Amino acid sequence: MDDTLFSTTMAALAALTMAGLIVHWIRRLLLRRLSAVRSQGYRLIHALNGYSAWIEYQRDVPFAQRSIEDMIAPEPLILVREIKRDWFPSMHPQVLRLLKAHHRLVQYLWEQSLLRMSLGAGWVPPNEDPAYQQLRAEQEDLIDEMIETCRQITGDSSRTWQRTGSDFNFSNAVRNGPVTRA
């Protein structure tokens, strides 16, 4: 009876040890995955902010200095698409909306550049054009929504972010005061 009790106890201890090691291993894998997702989430947020800055810069770039390839697929937007594809596939509808907004904005910028070259005097700077302001506001709202979604996915929703465009002020546009991340 002692041998049976001893071997049963040892088997139970071995099983508990093995279960503990498996739980520890699974926990480490989950923590690594969470850390990687959070890191990629920060990369996505950074890419979205970079894209916002790129757009603000583009509005003042003359027609002749624009690269068609860069306008169609700017580097920050390519990075947003790659990170979404690899880490955040659930954000596909938002990225698709961002691509459509990008297309509308690029179309506006090209049209304005052509108008500027042809009319000169009738051209209105983008920061004074209500159509541009509307396009940018919609785009910024979408970027803010994407950042919030990303932060929810990564579990980093304790800090409030607002208005990505406020991080980059490449123009002399007058604002109603600084808009910052709280």
Protein backbone atom coordinates (compact mmCIF):
# COMPACT_ATOMS: atom_id res chain seq x y z
CA MET A 1 0.00 0.00 0.00
CA ASP A 2 2.87 2.34 0.78
CA ASP A 3 4.36 1.84 -2.68
CA THR A 4 1.02 2.55 -4.33
CA LEU A 5 0.45 5.67 -2.21
CA PHE A 6 4.00 6.86 -2.85
CA SER A 7 3.82 6.29 -6.61
CA THR A 8 0.36 7.92 -6.79
CA THR A 9 1.62 10.93 -4.82
CA MET A 10 4.70 11.22 -7.05
CA ALA A 11 2.57 10.94 -10.19
CA ALA A 12 0.22 13.62 -8.87
CA LEU A 13 3.16 15.90 -8.02
CA ALA A 14 4.66 15.35 -11.46
CA ALA A 15 1.30 16.08 -13.10
CA LEU A 16 0.88 19.26 -11.03
CA THR A 17 4.42 20.35 -11.85
CA MET A 18 3.83 19.69 -15.53
CA ALA A 19 0.50 21.58 -15.42
CA GLY A 20 2.22 24.49 -13.65
CA LEU A 21 4.95 24.58 -16.30
CA ILE A 22 2.37 24.49 -19.09
CA VAL A 23 0.36 27.31 -17.49
CA HIS A 24 3.57 29.32 -17.01
CA TRP A 25 4.59 28.72 -20.64
CA ILE A 26 1.13 29.70 -21.96
CA ARG A 27 1.14 32.82 -19.77
CA ARG A 28 4.56 33.85 -21.12
CA LEU A 29 3.37 33.32 -24.69
CA LEU A 30 0.27 35.42 -24.06
CA LEU A 31 2.30 38.19 -22.43
CA ARG A 32 4.75 38.19 -25.34
CA ARG A 33 1.87 38.35 -27.80
CA LEU A 34 0.22 41.18 -25.85
CA SER A 35 3.52 43.06 -25.75
CA ALA A 36 3.98 42.58 -29.50
CA VAL A 37 0.41 43.71 -30.23
CA ARG A 38 0.86 46.77 -28.03
CA SER A 39 4.17 47.59 -29.73
CA GLN A 40 2.57 47.26 -33.16
CA GLY A 41 -0.33 49.38 -31.94
CA TYR A 42 2.10 52.15 -31.06
CA ARG A 43 3.71 51.78 -34.50
CA LEU A 44 0.27 52.09 -36.09
CA ILE A 45 -0.54 55.21 -34.07
CA HIS A 46 2.83 56.69 -35.00
CA ALA A 47 2.22 55.89 -38.69
CA LEU A 48 -1.23 57.51 -38.54
CA ASN A 49 0.27 60.64 -36.99
CA GLY A 50 3.01 60.59 -39.63
CA TYR A 51 0.40 60.34 -42.35
CA SER A 52 -1.47 63.31 -40.88
CA ALA A 53 1.75 65.34 -40.89
CA TRP A 54 2.49 64.25 -44.46
CA ILE A 55 -0.92 65.51 -45.61
CA GLU A 56 -0.41 68.86 -43.86
CA TYR A 57 2.94 69.22 -45.58
CA GLN A 58 1.51 68.32 -48.99
CA ARG A 59 -1.04 71.11 -49.03
CA ASP A 60 1.74 73.70 -49.42
CA VAL A 61 3.96 71.79 -51.85
CA PRO A 62 3.95 73.26 -55.39
CA PHE A 63 2.61 71.16 -58.24
CA ALA A 64 5.99 70.66 -59.91
CA GLN A 65 7.59 69.30 -56.73
CA ARG A 66 5.05 66.54 -56.13
CA SER A 67 5.87 62.94 -56.91
CA ILE A 68 2.93 60.98 -58.32
CA GLU A 69 4.09 57.78 -56.63
CA ASP A 70 4.44 59.51 -53.28
CA MET A 71 1.03 61.15 -53.63
CA ILE A 72 -0.67 57.86 -54.51
CA ALA A 73 1.01 55.80 -51.80
CA PRO A 74 2.86 57.85 -49.18
CA GLU A 75 5.20 55.89 -46.93
CA PRO A 76 3.18 56.43 -43.70
CA LEU A 77 0.03 55.16 -45.41
CA ILE A 78 1.86 52.09 -46.73
CA LEU A 79 3.05 51.40 -43.18
CA VAL A 80 -0.52 51.77 -41.84
CA ARG A 81 -1.71 49.20 -44.37
CA GLU A 82 1.10 46.75 -43.54
CA ILE A 83 0.57 46.95 -39.79
CA LYS A 84 -3.18 46.58 -40.22
CA ARG A 85 -2.70 43.55 -42.46
CA ASP A 86 -0.24 41.81 -40.10
CA TRP A 87 -1.60 42.78 -36.67
CA PHE A 88 -5.03 44.42 -36.81
CA PRO A 89 -7.16 42.81 -39.55
CA SER A 90 -10.33 43.90 -37.74
CA MET A 91 -9.44 47.49 -38.65
CA HIS A 92 -9.82 46.77 -42.38
CA PRO A 93 -13.03 48.85 -42.79
CA GLN A 94 -11.40 51.87 -41.17
CA VAL A 95 -8.26 51.61 -43.29
CA LEU A 96 -10.43 51.29 -46.38
CA ARG A 97 -12.26 54.49 -45.39
CA LEU A 98 -8.88 56.18 -44.83
CA LEU A 99 -7.73 55.13 -48.31
CA LYS A 100 -10.90 56.57 -49.82
CA ALA A 101 -10.41 59.81 -47.86
CA HIS A 102 -6.80 59.90 -49.05
CA HIS A 103 -7.95 59.55 -52.64
CA ARG A 104 -10.41 62.44 -52.26
CA LEU A 105 -7.75 64.64 -50.65
CA VAL A 106 -5.12 63.87 -53.28
CA GLN A 107 -7.67 64.61 -55.99
CA TYR A 108 -8.42 67.95 -54.29
CA LEU A 109 -4.70 68.82 -54.03
CA TRP A 110 -4.09 68.04 -57.71
CA GLU A 111 -7.10 70.07 -58.80
CA GLN A 112 -5.99 72.99 -56.65
CA SER A 113 -2.46 72.81 -58.04
CA LEU A 114 -3.82 72.92 -61.59
CA LEU A 115 -6.11 75.82 -60.65
CA ARG A 116 -3.21 77.65 -59.05
CA MET A 117 -1.10 77.27 -62.19
CA SER A 118 -3.88 78.27 -64.58
CA LEU A 119 -5.63 81.10 -62.73
CA GLY A 120 -3.17 82.25 -60.15
CA ALA A 121 -5.27 85.09 -58.78
CA GLY A 122 -8.44 83.01 -58.31
CA TRP A 123 -6.69 80.34 -56.32
CA VAL A 124 -7.45 80.05 -52.58
CA PRO A 125 -4.85 78.59 -50.18
CA PRO A 126 -6.05 75.27 -48.72
CA ASN A 127 -6.05 76.56 -45.15
CA GLU A 128 -8.65 79.15 -46.27
CA ASP A 129 -10.72 76.80 -48.42
CA PRO A 130 -13.82 75.33 -46.69
CA ALA A 131 -13.73 72.27 -48.98
CA TYR A 132 -10.18 71.46 -47.87
CA GLN A 133 -11.03 72.10 -44.24
CA GLN A 134 -13.99 69.70 -44.52
CA LEU A 135 -11.86 66.98 -46.12
CA ARG A 136 -9.15 67.35 -43.47
CA ALA A 137 -11.66 67.41 -40.60
CA GLU A 138 -13.26 64.18 -41.83
CA GLN A 139 -9.83 62.63 -42.26
CA GLU A 140 -8.68 63.71 -38.79
CA ASP A 141 -11.87 62.37 -37.22
CA LEU A 142 -11.26 59.04 -38.93
CA ILE A 143 -7.63 58.97 -37.79
CA ASP A 144 -8.74 59.73 -34.23
CA GLU A 145 -11.30 56.91 -34.47
CA MET A 146 -8.62 54.53 -35.74
CA ILE A 147 -6.25 55.48 -32.93
CA GLU A 148 -8.99 54.88 -30.36
CA THR A 149 -9.82 51.50 -31.92
CA CYS A 150 -6.16 50.55 -31.90
CA ARG A 151 -5.82 51.58 -28.27
CA GLN A 152 -8.88 49.50 -27.33
CA ILE A 153 -7.46 46.46 -29.12
CA THR A 154 -4.11 46.83 -27.36
CA GLY A 155 -5.68 47.52 -23.98
CA ASP A 156 -4.13 50.97 -23.79
CA SER A 157 -7.27 53.06 -23.47
CA SER A 158 -6.55 54.85 -20.20
CA ARG A 159 -5.07 57.98 -21.88
CA THR A 160 -7.19 60.36 -23.97
CA TRP A 161 -5.92 61.30 -27.43
CA GLN A 162 -7.44 64.07 -29.49
CA ARG A 163 -6.85 65.70 -32.85
CA THR A 164 -3.79 64.11 -34.44
CA GLY A 165 -3.27 67.11 -36.69
CA SER A 166 -2.33 69.30 -33.74
CA ASP A 167 1.00 67.53 -33.38
CA PHE A 168 2.22 68.96 -36.65
CA ASN A 169 1.78 72.58 -37.62
CA PHE A 170 3.56 73.03 -40.93
CA SER A 171 1.59 76.06 -42.00
CA ASN A 172 0.79 79.48 -40.66
CA ALA A 173 -2.90 78.64 -40.36
CA VAL A 174 -4.63 80.38 -37.49
CA ARG A 175 -6.28 78.02 -35.02
CA ASN A 176 -8.71 78.64 -32.21
CA GLY A 177 -6.02 77.80 -29.72
CA PRO A 178 -3.80 74.79 -29.24
CA VAL A 179 -5.46 71.42 -29.48
CA THR A 180 -3.38 68.87 -27.63
CA ARG A 181 -3.53 65.36 -26.36
CA ALA A 182 -4.71 65.39 -22.78
